[in-house]
Every structure is written in C-alpha cells, then in structure tokens.
Amino acid sequence: MFVASSTFVDAARVQAEALGLPDVKRVFVPHPIQDATDEEMVEKADAIVDEVIAALIES
C-alpha cells in the first residue's frame, strides 16, 4: 500500500505493474504537495485517512 500525490496516478500504475504488483492498494493525496503549508498538509491527510486505513485492512 502506498500514498502518492494525485499527479502521479498514471506513473504509479505503470510502476506497480512493472514491479509485479498491479493490484497494490494506492491512495492519492490532492496535488500539489511540495508547496503546501503544514496546515494544508494536515487537511490533505485528514481527507484521506479513512481511505488509508481501509487500504491497510482490506485483504
């Protein structure tokens, strides 16, 4: 399971397939990340935390 910026959706799919993990769980955080303030990052994390937990516990 991994978390990445939403700008990398296609790259994540290609990389996962290349690594033999086409079904790996992926959660994407709204882009941009690099210039986000701490407060914006907390908001981004809060927005996806349930999705991350679900991806970790799903089999």
Protein backbone atom coordinates (compact mmCIF):
# COMPACT_ATOMS: atom_id res chain seq x y z
CA MET A 1 0.00 0.00 0.00
CA PHE A 2 1.35 3.44 -0.78
CA VAL A 3 0.36 7.09 -0.73
CA ALA A 4 1.33 9.46 -3.52
CA SER A 5 0.38 12.81 -4.98
CA SER A 6 -2.57 12.69 -7.37
CA THR A 7 -0.41 13.93 -10.21
CA PHE A 8 1.30 10.50 -10.22
CA VAL A 9 -1.74 8.26 -10.79
CA ASP A 10 -0.56 7.01 -14.19
CA ALA A 11 3.07 6.68 -13.10
CA ALA A 12 2.01 4.72 -10.01
CA ARG A 13 0.01 2.26 -12.11
CA VAL A 14 2.90 1.71 -14.53
CA GLN A 15 5.44 1.30 -11.73
CA ALA A 16 3.21 -1.11 -9.80
CA GLU A 17 2.75 -3.24 -12.90
CA ALA A 18 6.49 -3.16 -13.65
CA LEU A 19 7.17 -4.39 -10.11
CA GLY A 20 4.67 -7.21 -10.49
CA LEU A 21 2.19 -5.59 -8.08
CA PRO A 22 -0.66 -4.49 -10.34
CA ASP A 23 -3.22 -4.76 -7.53
CA VAL A 24 -1.28 -2.92 -4.84
CA LYS A 25 -3.50 -0.53 -2.91
CA ARG A 26 -2.90 3.13 -3.74
CA VAL A 27 -4.17 6.26 -2.07
CA PHE A 28 -3.62 9.62 -3.70
CA VAL A 29 -3.32 12.95 -1.93
CA PRO A 30 -4.54 16.01 -3.83
CA HIS A 31 -1.70 17.73 -5.64
CA PRO A 32 0.31 19.88 -5.01
CA ILE A 33 2.28 18.68 -2.01
CA GLN A 34 5.62 20.43 -2.37
CA ASP A 35 4.41 23.95 -1.66
CA ALA A 36 1.68 23.08 0.84
CA THR A 37 1.83 24.62 4.28
CA ASP A 38 1.74 22.45 7.38
CA GLU A 39 -1.92 23.32 7.82
CA GLU A 40 -2.71 22.36 4.22
CA MET A 41 -0.88 19.06 4.66
CA VAL A 42 -2.93 18.30 7.76
CA GLU A 43 -6.09 18.99 5.76
CA LYS A 44 -4.88 16.73 2.95
CA ALA A 45 -4.04 13.96 5.42
CA ASP A 46 -7.37 14.31 7.20
CA ALA A 47 -9.15 14.00 3.85
CA ILE A 48 -7.58 10.61 3.07
CA VAL A 49 -7.00 9.00 6.46
CA ASP A 50 -10.10 6.79 6.23
CA GLU A 51 -9.07 5.64 2.76
CA VAL A 52 -5.56 4.81 4.02
CA ILE A 53 -6.95 2.80 6.94
CA ALA A 54 -9.32 0.94 4.62
CA ALA A 55 -6.49 0.10 2.22
CA LEU A 56 -4.38 -1.22 5.08
CA ILE A 57 -7.05 -3.50 6.49
CA GLU A 58 -8.57 -4.76 3.24
CA SER A 59 -7.31 -8.05 2.03
